[in-house]
Amino acid sequence: MSEVPTTPTFTNRRPGLIGCGIVHLLFGLLFVGFALLMVVTFVAAPAGMPKQAMPAGVGIYTALFYLVLATLLATLGVGSMMARRWAPPLILVTSWGWLVCGIATACMMGFMIPAMTASLPEGQPGMKGVMVGCMSVGIGLFGIILQLAFILFYRSPNVKATVQQAEQK
């Protein structure tokens, strides 16, 4: 009697794909908020205020850039939640790029923080720690740790098998 070949077993990562997709959608919403904030800074400025520090054209291009990022992240989020085969490779590419930028930003902080803290008013001694702490947590969490988690998750053979199984259905 010949043995029937069994299909290799894998851990279904569908909940992880949905969770990571939601995180990407939330980042997309964050960038939509940034774009709206750029628009509001120009529209809602009082009439008697002096000329703004940033020209209107720069603000418009920045808002459009944020909208492009929001569209990218929303598309990747939906693709991940729907377990599309194109989503994991594209998320890996964006996560690697984001990780490189996060590491570069963390390194640059070492050079920039002394100059930034020197310009703070003397009457606020605790502000330096708060500023450095918030920047470190933000860059470390969103620029490095979260991106490493995405890279490790989407490189998993179980994710590839889950996506392949979803494509066959």
N, C-alpha and C. Protein backbone atom coordinates (compact mmCIF):
# COMPACT_ATOMS: atom_id res chain seq x y z
N MET A 1 0.84 -1.16 0.00
CA MET A 1 0.00 0.00 0.00
C MET A 1 0.90 1.24 0.00
N SER A 2 0.63 2.13 -0.90
CA SER A 2 1.46 3.34 -0.98
C SER A 2 0.87 4.43 -0.09
N GLU A 3 1.77 5.19 0.46
CA GLU A 3 1.33 6.27 1.35
C GLU A 3 0.92 7.48 0.52
N VAL A 4 -0.13 8.11 0.97
CA VAL A 4 -0.60 9.32 0.31
C VAL A 4 0.24 10.49 0.82
N PRO A 5 0.83 11.26 -0.10
CA PRO A 5 1.63 12.39 0.38
C PRO A 5 0.73 13.41 1.07
N THR A 6 1.18 13.83 2.22
CA THR A 6 0.41 14.82 2.97
C THR A 6 0.92 16.22 2.63
N THR A 7 0.00 17.13 2.70
CA THR A 7 0.41 18.51 2.47
C THR A 7 1.11 19.02 3.73
N PRO A 8 2.13 19.81 3.55
CA PRO A 8 2.83 20.30 4.73
C PRO A 8 1.90 21.19 5.56
N THR A 9 1.98 21.02 6.85
CA THR A 9 1.15 21.83 7.72
C THR A 9 1.83 23.16 7.98
N PHE A 10 1.01 24.16 8.23
CA PHE A 10 1.52 25.49 8.53
C PHE A 10 0.56 26.14 9.50
N THR A 11 1.07 27.15 10.17
CA THR A 11 0.24 27.91 11.09
C THR A 11 -0.47 29.00 10.30
N ASN A 12 -1.78 29.04 10.42
CA ASN A 12 -2.57 30.04 9.71
C ASN A 12 -2.30 31.41 10.32
N ARG A 13 -1.81 32.31 9.53
CA ARG A 13 -1.47 33.66 9.98
C ARG A 13 -2.49 34.70 9.54
N ARG A 14 -3.70 34.26 9.23
CA ARG A 14 -4.73 35.19 8.79
C ARG A 14 -5.02 36.28 9.84
N PRO A 15 -5.15 35.93 11.13
CA PRO A 15 -5.37 37.01 12.11
C PRO A 15 -4.22 38.03 12.15
N GLY A 16 -3.00 37.57 11.98
CA GLY A 16 -1.86 38.48 11.94
C GLY A 16 -1.89 39.37 10.72
N LEU A 17 -2.30 38.81 9.58
CA LEU A 17 -2.42 39.61 8.37
C LEU A 17 -3.49 40.70 8.54
N ILE A 18 -4.58 40.35 9.19
CA ILE A 18 -5.64 41.33 9.43
C ILE A 18 -5.16 42.39 10.41
N GLY A 19 -4.49 41.98 11.48
CA GLY A 19 -3.99 42.93 12.47
C GLY A 19 -2.97 43.89 11.88
N CYS A 20 -2.03 43.37 11.10
CA CYS A 20 -1.03 44.24 10.47
C CYS A 20 -1.68 45.15 9.44
N GLY A 21 -2.70 44.65 8.77
CA GLY A 21 -3.43 45.48 7.82
C GLY A 21 -4.13 46.63 8.52
N ILE A 22 -4.69 46.37 9.69
CA ILE A 22 -5.34 47.43 10.46
C ILE A 22 -4.31 48.48 10.88
N VAL A 23 -3.14 48.03 11.29
CA VAL A 23 -2.08 48.99 11.68
C VAL A 23 -1.70 49.86 10.48
N HIS A 24 -1.59 49.25 9.31
CA HIS A 24 -1.27 50.04 8.11
C HIS A 24 -2.39 51.04 7.80
N LEU A 25 -3.64 50.61 7.95
CA LEU A 25 -4.76 51.53 7.73
C LEU A 25 -4.71 52.69 8.73
N LEU A 26 -4.38 52.40 9.98
CA LEU A 26 -4.29 53.46 10.98
C LEU A 26 -3.18 54.46 10.65
N PHE A 27 -2.06 53.96 10.15
CA PHE A 27 -0.99 54.86 9.70
C PHE A 27 -1.47 55.70 8.52
N GLY A 28 -2.23 55.09 7.62
CA GLY A 28 -2.79 55.84 6.51
C GLY A 28 -3.69 56.96 7.00
N LEU A 29 -4.52 56.67 7.99
CA LEU A 29 -5.38 57.71 8.57
C LEU A 29 -4.55 58.80 9.23
N LEU A 30 -3.46 58.42 9.88
CA LEU A 30 -2.58 59.40 10.50
C LEU A 30 -2.02 60.36 9.45
N PHE A 31 -1.62 59.82 8.30
CA PHE A 31 -1.08 60.68 7.24
C PHE A 31 -2.17 61.54 6.61
N VAL A 32 -3.41 61.06 6.56
CA VAL A 32 -4.51 61.91 6.11
C VAL A 32 -4.66 63.08 7.08
N GLY A 33 -4.55 62.78 8.38
CA GLY A 33 -4.61 63.84 9.38
C GLY A 33 -3.48 64.85 9.22
N PHE A 34 -2.28 64.38 8.91
CA PHE A 34 -1.16 65.29 8.66
C PHE A 34 -1.45 66.19 7.46
N ALA A 35 -2.01 65.61 6.39
CA ALA A 35 -2.34 66.40 5.21
C ALA A 35 -3.38 67.47 5.54
N LEU A 36 -4.40 67.08 6.30
CA LEU A 36 -5.42 68.05 6.71
C LEU A 36 -4.82 69.14 7.58
N LEU A 37 -3.90 68.77 8.44
CA LEU A 37 -3.25 69.75 9.30
C LEU A 37 -2.45 70.76 8.47
N MET A 38 -1.80 70.29 7.42
CA MET A 38 -1.07 71.20 6.55
C MET A 38 -2.03 72.20 5.89
N VAL A 39 -3.17 71.71 5.45
CA VAL A 39 -4.15 72.59 4.81
C VAL A 39 -4.72 73.58 5.81
N VAL A 40 -5.04 73.10 7.01
CA VAL A 40 -5.64 73.96 8.03
C VAL A 40 -4.69 75.07 8.45
N THR A 41 -3.40 74.80 8.49
CA THR A 41 -2.46 75.84 8.91
C THR A 41 -2.47 77.04 7.96
N PHE A 42 -2.80 76.81 6.71
CA PHE A 42 -2.84 77.92 5.76
C PHE A 42 -4.22 78.55 5.67
N VAL A 43 -5.25 77.73 5.77
CA VAL A 43 -6.61 78.24 5.63
C VAL A 43 -7.07 78.98 6.88
N ALA A 44 -6.74 78.47 8.04
CA ALA A 44 -7.28 79.01 9.29
C ALA A 44 -6.37 80.05 9.94
N ALA A 45 -5.35 80.50 9.27
CA ALA A 45 -4.45 81.50 9.86
C ALA A 45 -5.19 82.84 9.94
N PRO A 46 -5.05 83.54 11.07
CA PRO A 46 -5.70 84.86 11.19
C PRO A 46 -5.19 85.83 10.12
N ALA A 47 -6.05 86.77 9.74
CA ALA A 47 -5.73 87.69 8.64
C ALA A 47 -4.56 88.61 8.96
N GLY A 48 -4.41 89.04 10.22
CA GLY A 48 -3.37 89.99 10.56
C GLY A 48 -2.03 89.38 10.89
N MET A 49 -1.89 88.07 10.73
CA MET A 49 -0.63 87.40 11.08
C MET A 49 0.45 87.72 10.06
N PRO A 50 1.72 87.76 10.51
CA PRO A 50 2.81 87.98 9.55
C PRO A 50 2.95 86.79 8.61
N LYS A 51 3.76 86.96 7.59
CA LYS A 51 3.96 85.91 6.60
C LYS A 51 4.39 84.61 7.28
N GLN A 52 3.82 83.52 6.81
CA GLN A 52 4.08 82.22 7.42
C GLN A 52 5.50 81.77 7.15
N ALA A 53 5.98 80.91 8.04
CA ALA A 53 7.36 80.43 7.92
C ALA A 53 7.54 79.54 6.69
N MET A 54 6.46 78.88 6.26
CA MET A 54 6.57 77.98 5.12
C MET A 54 5.72 78.53 3.97
N PRO A 55 6.28 78.61 2.77
CA PRO A 55 5.49 79.08 1.64
C PRO A 55 4.31 78.15 1.36
N ALA A 56 3.25 78.69 0.80
CA ALA A 56 2.04 77.91 0.54
C ALA A 56 2.32 76.74 -0.40
N GLY A 57 3.17 76.94 -1.40
CA GLY A 57 3.48 75.85 -2.33
C GLY A 57 4.12 74.66 -1.64
N VAL A 58 5.01 74.93 -0.71
CA VAL A 58 5.65 73.84 0.04
C VAL A 58 4.61 73.09 0.87
N GLY A 59 3.69 73.84 1.47
CA GLY A 59 2.63 73.21 2.26
C GLY A 59 1.73 72.34 1.41
N ILE A 60 1.42 72.79 0.20
CA ILE A 60 0.56 72.02 -0.70
C ILE A 60 1.27 70.73 -1.13
N TYR A 61 2.53 70.86 -1.52
CA TYR A 61 3.28 69.66 -1.93
C TYR A 61 3.45 68.69 -0.76
N THR A 62 3.65 69.21 0.43
CA THR A 62 3.76 68.34 1.60
C THR A 62 2.45 67.63 1.87
N ALA A 63 1.34 68.35 1.77
CA ALA A 63 0.03 67.73 1.97
C ALA A 63 -0.22 66.64 0.92
N LEU A 64 0.15 66.91 -0.33
CA LEU A 64 -0.01 65.90 -1.38
C LEU A 64 0.88 64.68 -1.12
N PHE A 65 2.09 64.91 -0.63
CA PHE A 65 2.98 63.81 -0.29
C PHE A 65 2.37 62.95 0.82
N TYR A 66 1.79 63.60 1.84
CA TYR A 66 1.12 62.85 2.90
C TYR A 66 -0.05 62.05 2.37
N LEU A 67 -0.79 62.61 1.43
CA LEU A 67 -1.92 61.88 0.84
C LEU A 67 -1.45 60.69 0.02
N VAL A 68 -0.32 60.82 -0.67
CA VAL A 68 0.23 59.68 -1.41
C VAL A 68 0.65 58.58 -0.43
N LEU A 69 1.31 58.97 0.66
CA LEU A 69 1.68 57.97 1.68
C LEU A 69 0.45 57.32 2.29
N ALA A 70 -0.59 58.11 2.54
CA ALA A 70 -1.82 57.57 3.10
C ALA A 70 -2.45 56.56 2.15
N THR A 71 -2.43 56.88 0.87
CA THR A 71 -2.99 55.97 -0.14
C THR A 71 -2.19 54.68 -0.20
N LEU A 72 -0.88 54.81 -0.18
CA LEU A 72 -0.01 53.62 -0.20
C LEU A 72 -0.28 52.74 1.01
N LEU A 73 -0.29 53.34 2.19
CA LEU A 73 -0.47 52.54 3.41
C LEU A 73 -1.87 51.94 3.48
N ALA A 74 -2.88 52.66 3.04
CA ALA A 74 -4.23 52.10 3.03
C ALA A 74 -4.33 50.93 2.05
N THR A 75 -3.71 51.08 0.89
CA THR A 75 -3.73 49.99 -0.09
C THR A 75 -3.01 48.76 0.45
N LEU A 76 -1.86 48.96 1.08
CA LEU A 76 -1.14 47.83 1.67
C LEU A 76 -1.94 47.20 2.80
N GLY A 77 -2.61 48.02 3.59
CA GLY A 77 -3.42 47.50 4.68
C GLY A 77 -4.57 46.64 4.19
N VAL A 78 -5.28 47.11 3.19
CA VAL A 78 -6.39 46.34 2.63
C VAL A 78 -5.86 45.06 1.96
N GLY A 79 -4.74 45.18 1.24
CA GLY A 79 -4.15 44.00 0.63
C GLY A 79 -3.73 42.96 1.64
N SER A 80 -3.22 43.40 2.77
CA SER A 80 -2.84 42.46 3.83
C SER A 80 -4.07 41.81 4.44
N MET A 81 -5.09 42.60 4.70
CA MET A 81 -6.30 42.04 5.31
C MET A 81 -7.00 41.05 4.38
N MET A 82 -6.90 41.29 3.08
CA MET A 82 -7.52 40.39 2.11
C MET A 82 -6.58 39.27 1.67
N ALA A 83 -5.38 39.23 2.25
CA ALA A 83 -4.37 38.20 1.98
C ALA A 83 -4.04 38.11 0.50
N ARG A 84 -3.78 39.25 -0.12
CA ARG A 84 -3.38 39.28 -1.52
C ARG A 84 -1.89 38.96 -1.61
N ARG A 85 -1.52 38.26 -2.67
CA ARG A 85 -0.13 37.81 -2.77
C ARG A 85 0.85 38.94 -2.98
N TRP A 86 0.42 40.09 -3.50
CA TRP A 86 1.30 41.23 -3.73
C TRP A 86 1.57 42.03 -2.46
N ALA A 87 0.72 41.87 -1.45
CA ALA A 87 0.85 42.71 -0.25
C ALA A 87 2.12 42.40 0.57
N PRO A 88 2.41 41.15 0.92
CA PRO A 88 3.62 40.92 1.75
C PRO A 88 4.92 41.41 1.13
N PRO A 89 5.18 41.19 -0.17
CA PRO A 89 6.44 41.73 -0.71
C PRO A 89 6.50 43.25 -0.69
N LEU A 90 5.38 43.91 -1.00
CA LEU A 90 5.38 45.37 -0.98
C LEU A 90 5.51 45.92 0.44
N ILE A 91 4.88 45.24 1.39
CA ILE A 91 5.02 45.66 2.79
C ILE A 91 6.45 45.46 3.26
N LEU A 92 7.09 44.38 2.82
CA LEU A 92 8.49 44.17 3.18
C LEU A 92 9.37 45.30 2.62
N VAL A 93 9.13 45.70 1.39
CA VAL A 93 9.91 46.78 0.79
C VAL A 93 9.72 48.07 1.57
N THR A 94 8.46 48.42 1.85
CA THR A 94 8.21 49.68 2.57
C THR A 94 8.72 49.61 4.00
N SER A 95 8.62 48.44 4.64
CA SER A 95 9.10 48.31 6.02
C SER A 95 10.62 48.42 6.08
N TRP A 96 11.31 47.83 5.11
CA TRP A 96 12.77 47.96 5.10
C TRP A 96 13.18 49.42 4.90
N GLY A 97 12.50 50.11 3.99
CA GLY A 97 12.81 51.52 3.77
C GLY A 97 12.53 52.36 5.01
N TRP A 98 11.40 52.09 5.65
CA TRP A 98 11.02 52.82 6.85
C TRP A 98 12.01 52.52 7.98
N LEU A 99 12.47 51.27 8.07
CA LEU A 99 13.45 50.89 9.09
C LEU A 99 14.77 51.61 8.88
N VAL A 100 15.24 51.67 7.63
CA VAL A 100 16.50 52.37 7.34
C VAL A 100 16.37 53.85 7.72
N CYS A 101 15.22 54.45 7.37
CA CYS A 101 15.00 55.86 7.74
C CYS A 101 14.92 56.02 9.26
N GLY A 102 14.31 55.08 9.95
CA GLY A 102 14.22 55.15 11.41
C GLY A 102 15.58 55.05 12.07
N ILE A 103 16.41 54.16 11.57
CA ILE A 103 17.76 54.02 12.13
C ILE A 103 18.58 55.27 11.85
N ALA A 104 18.47 55.81 10.63
CA ALA A 104 19.21 57.03 10.29
C ALA A 104 18.73 58.19 11.16
N THR A 105 17.44 58.28 11.39
CA THR A 105 16.90 59.35 12.24
C THR A 105 17.39 59.20 13.67
N ALA A 106 17.41 57.98 14.18
CA ALA A 106 17.91 57.75 15.54
C ALA A 106 19.38 58.15 15.66
N CYS A 107 20.17 57.86 14.63
CA CYS A 107 21.58 58.26 14.65
C CYS A 107 21.73 59.77 14.59
N MET A 108 20.92 60.42 13.75
CA MET A 108 20.99 61.88 13.62
C MET A 108 20.54 62.57 14.90
N MET A 109 19.66 61.93 15.65
CA MET A 109 19.21 62.52 16.92
C MET A 109 20.37 62.76 17.86
N GLY A 110 21.35 61.86 17.82
CA GLY A 110 22.52 62.02 18.68
C GLY A 110 23.27 63.32 18.41
N PHE A 111 23.24 63.78 17.17
CA PHE A 111 23.91 65.03 16.82
C PHE A 111 23.01 66.24 17.00
N MET A 112 21.73 66.07 16.81
CA MET A 112 20.81 67.20 16.81
C MET A 112 20.27 67.56 18.19
N ILE A 113 20.15 66.59 19.08
CA ILE A 113 19.52 66.86 20.37
C ILE A 113 20.28 67.89 21.20
N PRO A 114 21.61 67.88 21.26
CA PRO A 114 22.27 68.92 22.05
C PRO A 114 21.93 70.34 21.59
N ALA A 115 21.87 70.56 20.28
CA ALA A 115 21.53 71.90 19.78
C ALA A 115 20.06 72.22 20.06
N MET A 116 19.19 71.23 19.95
CA MET A 116 17.77 71.48 20.19
C MET A 116 17.49 71.76 21.66
N THR A 117 18.13 71.04 22.54
CA THR A 117 17.89 71.26 23.97
C THR A 117 18.54 72.55 24.44
N ALA A 118 19.60 73.00 23.78
CA ALA A 118 20.25 74.24 24.18
C ALA A 118 19.36 75.45 23.90
N SER A 119 18.44 75.33 22.95
CA SER A 119 17.57 76.46 22.61
C SER A 119 16.32 76.53 23.47
N LEU A 120 16.12 75.57 24.37
CA LEU A 120 14.94 75.60 25.24
C LEU A 120 15.12 76.66 26.33
N PRO A 121 14.01 77.24 26.79
CA PRO A 121 14.10 78.23 27.86
C PRO A 121 14.64 77.60 29.15
N GLU A 122 15.37 78.39 29.93
CA GLU A 122 15.98 77.90 31.17
C GLU A 122 14.94 77.63 32.26
N GLY A 123 13.78 78.26 32.19
CA GLY A 123 12.77 78.11 33.23
C GLY A 123 12.04 76.78 33.20
N GLN A 124 12.36 75.92 32.25
CA GLN A 124 11.70 74.62 32.13
C GLN A 124 12.74 73.50 32.16
N PRO A 125 13.26 73.18 33.35
CA PRO A 125 14.35 72.19 33.40
C PRO A 125 13.91 70.78 33.00
N GLY A 126 12.66 70.41 33.25
CA GLY A 126 12.21 69.06 32.92
C GLY A 126 11.84 68.88 31.47
N MET A 127 11.76 69.95 30.72
CA MET A 127 11.33 69.87 29.32
C MET A 127 12.33 69.12 28.45
N LYS A 128 13.60 69.22 28.77
CA LYS A 128 14.62 68.53 27.97
C LYS A 128 14.39 67.02 28.01
N GLY A 129 14.15 66.50 29.20
CA GLY A 129 13.92 65.07 29.34
C GLY A 129 12.65 64.62 28.64
N VAL A 130 11.60 65.43 28.73
CA VAL A 130 10.33 65.09 28.08
C VAL A 130 10.51 65.08 26.57
N MET A 131 11.19 66.09 26.05
CA MET A 131 11.40 66.19 24.61
C MET A 131 12.22 65.01 24.09
N VAL A 132 13.33 64.74 24.74
CA VAL A 132 14.19 63.63 24.31
C VAL A 132 13.46 62.30 24.46
N GLY A 133 12.72 62.14 25.55
CA GLY A 133 11.98 60.90 25.77
C GLY A 133 10.91 60.67 24.72
N CYS A 134 10.14 61.69 24.42
CA CYS A 134 9.07 61.55 23.41
C CYS A 134 9.65 61.25 22.03
N MET A 135 10.70 61.95 21.67
CA MET A 135 11.32 61.70 20.36
C MET A 135 11.91 60.29 20.30
N SER A 136 12.54 59.86 21.38
CA SER A 136 13.15 58.53 21.40
C SER A 136 12.10 57.43 21.32
N VAL A 137 11.03 57.59 22.07
CA VAL A 137 9.96 56.59 22.04
C VAL A 137 9.30 56.56 20.67
N GLY A 138 9.01 57.73 20.12
CA GLY A 138 8.36 57.78 18.80
C GLY A 138 9.21 57.16 17.71
N ILE A 139 10.46 57.53 17.66
CA ILE A 139 11.35 56.99 16.62
C ILE A 139 11.63 55.51 16.88
N GLY A 140 11.88 55.17 18.14
CA GLY A 140 12.18 53.77 18.45
C GLY A 140 11.00 52.85 18.21
N LEU A 141 9.81 53.29 18.60
CA LEU A 141 8.62 52.43 18.46
C LEU A 141 8.15 52.35 17.02
N PHE A 142 7.91 53.51 16.39
CA PHE A 142 7.32 53.51 15.06
C PHE A 142 8.35 53.37 13.94
N GLY A 143 9.57 53.85 14.15
CA GLY A 143 10.57 53.81 13.10
C GLY A 143 11.44 52.57 13.11
N ILE A 144 11.53 51.91 14.27
CA ILE A 144 12.42 50.75 14.35
C ILE A 144 11.68 49.48 14.79
N ILE A 145 11.11 49.48 15.97
CA ILE A 145 10.53 48.24 16.52
C ILE A 145 9.36 47.73 15.70
N LEU A 146 8.42 48.61 15.37
CA LEU A 146 7.26 48.19 14.59
C LEU A 146 7.67 47.70 13.21
N GLN A 147 8.63 48.36 12.60
CA GLN A 147 9.08 47.94 11.27
C GLN A 147 9.80 46.60 11.33
N LEU A 148 10.58 46.38 12.38
CA LEU A 148 11.21 45.06 12.56
C LEU A 148 10.16 43.98 12.74
N ALA A 149 9.11 44.28 13.48
CA ALA A 149 8.02 43.31 13.67
C ALA A 149 7.36 42.99 12.33
N PHE A 150 7.10 44.01 11.51
CA PHE A 150 6.51 43.77 10.19
C PHE A 150 7.44 42.91 9.34
N ILE A 151 8.72 43.22 9.35
CA ILE A 151 9.67 42.46 8.53
C ILE A 151 9.72 41.01 8.98
N LEU A 152 9.81 40.77 10.27
CA LEU A 152 9.85 39.39 10.77
C LEU A 152 8.56 38.65 10.49
N PHE A 153 7.43 39.32 10.62
CA PHE A 153 6.15 38.67 10.38
C PHE A 153 5.97 38.32 8.91
N TYR A 154 6.18 39.27 8.02
CA TYR A 154 5.89 39.05 6.60
C TYR A 154 6.94 38.17 5.91
N ARG A 155 8.09 37.95 6.52
CA ARG A 155 9.10 37.04 5.96
C ARG A 155 8.81 35.59 6.31
N SER A 156 7.88 35.36 7.21
CA SER A 156 7.60 34.02 7.71
C SER A 156 7.05 33.12 6.59
N PRO A 157 7.50 31.88 6.56
CA PRO A 157 6.94 30.93 5.58
C PRO A 157 5.45 30.67 5.84
N ASN A 158 5.03 30.81 7.10
CA ASN A 158 3.61 30.62 7.41
C ASN A 158 2.75 31.71 6.76
N VAL A 159 3.28 32.92 6.68
CA VAL A 159 2.53 34.00 6.02
C VAL A 159 2.42 33.69 4.53
N LYS A 160 3.51 33.25 3.92
CA LYS A 160 3.48 32.91 2.50
C LYS A 160 2.48 31.79 2.24
N ALA A 161 2.47 30.77 3.11
CA ALA A 161 1.54 29.67 2.93
C ALA A 161 0.10 30.12 3.15
N THR A 162 -0.14 31.01 4.10
CA THR A 162 -1.48 31.51 4.34
C THR A 162 -1.98 32.29 3.14
N VAL A 163 -1.13 33.11 2.56
CA VAL A 163 -1.51 33.90 1.39
C VAL A 163 -1.76 32.99 0.20
N GLN A 164 -0.91 31.98 0.01
CA GLN A 164 -1.12 31.04 -1.09
C GLN A 164 -2.43 30.29 -0.94
N GLN A 165 -2.75 29.90 0.29
CA GLN A 165 -4.01 29.19 0.52
C GLN A 165 -5.20 30.12 0.25
N ALA A 166 -5.09 31.36 0.64
CA ALA A 166 -6.19 32.31 0.40
C ALA A 166 -6.35 32.58 -1.09
N GLU A 167 -5.28 32.60 -1.85
CA GLU A 167 -5.35 32.83 -3.30
C GLU A 167 -6.02 31.66 -4.02
N GLN A 168 -5.87 30.45 -3.48
CA GLN A 168 -6.45 29.26 -4.13
C GLN A 168 -7.96 29.20 -3.93
N LYS A 169 -8.46 29.87 -2.93
CA LYS A 169 -9.90 29.80 -2.67
C LYS A 169 -10.68 30.72 -3.55
